Amino acid sequence: FRLDVVVGLITCQKSEMSHVVAGDCVLLDSVSSYKKCSVIVFRDLKDYNKMVTSVPFLNS
């Protein structure tokens, strides 16, 4: 199964920041974004849950 875990709130808006100040933030017109981590987990033959991968991404 896949879980999307919210790990923080990004508030980089074009009206408030320049590209230089924002750094690696994704600049949006008027909406803040939640920074999430997508985690894929599977259950093995012994019925234990194991994390397969973890991928950070931004979602508005």
C-alpha atoms as a PDB file:
ATOM      1  CA  PHE A   1       0.000   0.000   0.000  1.00  0.00           C
ATOM      2  CA  ARG A   2       1.012   3.630  -0.415  1.00  0.00           C
ATOM      3  CA  LEU A   3       0.961   6.377   2.215  1.00  0.00           C
ATOM      4  CA  ASP A   4       1.306  10.111   1.636  1.00  0.00           C
ATOM      5  CA  VAL A   5       2.678  11.698   4.815  1.00  0.00           C
ATOM      6  CA  VAL A   6       2.540  15.486   5.293  1.00  0.00           C
ATOM      7  CA  VAL A   7       5.890  16.647   6.677  1.00  0.00           C
ATOM      8  CA  GLY A   8       5.546  20.432   6.455  1.00  0.00           C
ATOM      9  CA  LEU A   9       3.882  23.435   4.874  1.00  0.00           C
ATOM     10  CA  ILE A  10       5.596  25.399   2.115  1.00  0.00           C
ATOM     11  CA  THR A  11       4.440  29.013   1.838  1.00  0.00           C
ATOM     12  CA  CYS A  12       6.454  30.212  -1.144  1.00  0.00           C
ATOM     13  CA  GLN A  13       4.177  32.462  -3.166  1.00  0.00           C
ATOM     14  CA  LYS A  14       5.177  34.538  -6.198  1.00  0.00           C
ATOM     15  CA  SER A  15       3.670  37.667  -4.703  1.00  0.00           C
ATOM     16  CA  GLU A  16       5.884  37.373  -1.595  1.00  0.00           C
ATOM     17  CA  MET A  17       9.266  36.068  -2.819  1.00  0.00           C
ATOM     18  CA  SER A  18      11.732  36.418  -5.632  1.00  0.00           C
ATOM     19  CA  HIS A  19      13.289  33.374  -7.328  1.00  0.00           C
ATOM     20  CA  VAL A  20      16.621  34.126  -5.614  1.00  0.00           C
ATOM     21  CA  VAL A  21      15.120  34.194  -2.100  1.00  0.00           C
ATOM     22  CA  ALA A  22      12.947  31.119  -2.680  1.00  0.00           C
ATOM     23  CA  GLY A  23      15.881  28.827  -3.433  1.00  0.00           C
ATOM     24  CA  ASP A  24      14.546  25.339  -4.148  1.00  0.00           C
ATOM     25  CA  CYS A  25      10.904  26.171  -3.334  1.00  0.00           C
ATOM     26  CA  VAL A  26       8.287  25.769  -6.025  1.00  0.00           C
ATOM     27  CA  LEU A  27       6.756  29.212  -6.493  1.00  0.00           C
ATOM     28  CA  LEU A  28       2.978  29.254  -6.861  1.00  0.00           C
ATOM     29  CA  ASP A  29       0.621  32.068  -7.870  1.00  0.00           C
ATOM     30  CA  SER A  30      -1.604  32.217  -4.802  1.00  0.00           C
ATOM     31  CA  VAL A  31      -1.688  28.846  -3.045  1.00  0.00           C
ATOM     32  CA  SER A  32       0.612  27.432  -0.390  1.00  0.00           C
ATOM     33  CA  SER A  33       1.718  23.816  -0.703  1.00  0.00           C
ATOM     34  CA  TYR A  34       2.091  20.929   1.672  1.00  0.00           C
ATOM     35  CA  LYS A  35       5.400  19.093   1.512  1.00  0.00           C
ATOM     36  CA  LYS A  36       4.626  15.394   1.514  1.00  0.00           C
ATOM     37  CA  CYS A  37       6.531  12.154   1.504  1.00  0.00           C
ATOM     38  CA  SER A  38       5.142   9.234  -0.474  1.00  0.00           C
ATOM     39  CA  VAL A  39       5.937   5.902   1.195  1.00  0.00           C
ATOM     40  CA  ILE A  40       5.349   2.475  -0.341  1.00  0.00           C
ATOM     41  CA  VAL A  41       4.977  -0.369   2.161  1.00  0.00           C
ATOM     42  CA  PHE A  42       4.474  -4.089   1.599  1.00  0.00           C
ATOM     43  CA  ARG A  43       3.758  -7.057   3.852  1.00  0.00           C
ATOM     44  CA  ASP A  44       6.284  -9.892   3.653  1.00  0.00           C
ATOM     45  CA  LEU A  45       5.694 -13.642   4.067  1.00  0.00           C
ATOM     46  CA  LYS A  46       6.116 -13.397   7.851  1.00  0.00           C
ATOM     47  CA  ASP A  47       3.334 -10.765   7.986  1.00  0.00           C
ATOM     48  CA  TYR A  48       5.723  -7.887   8.761  1.00  0.00           C
ATOM     49  CA  ASN A  49       5.307  -4.479   7.141  1.00  0.00           C
ATOM     50  CA  LYS A  50       8.388  -3.203   5.303  1.00  0.00           C
ATOM     51  CA  MET A  51       8.990   0.201   3.724  1.00  0.00           C
ATOM     52  CA  VAL A  52      10.077  -0.199   0.108  1.00  0.00           C
ATOM     53  CA  THR A  53      10.676   3.402  -0.921  1.00  0.00           C
ATOM     54  CA  SER A  54      10.240   6.966   0.232  1.00  0.00           C
ATOM     55  CA  VAL A  55       9.900   9.815  -2.262  1.00  0.00           C
ATOM     56  CA  PRO A  56       9.460  13.485  -1.275  1.00  0.00           C
ATOM     57  CA  PHE A  57       7.221  15.635  -3.452  1.00  0.00           C
ATOM     58  CA  LEU A  58       5.223  18.844  -3.365  1.00  0.00           C
ATOM     59  CA  ASN A  59       1.475  18.929  -3.690  1.00  0.00           C
ATOM     60  CA  SER A  60      -0.853  21.889  -3.617  1.00  0.00           C
END
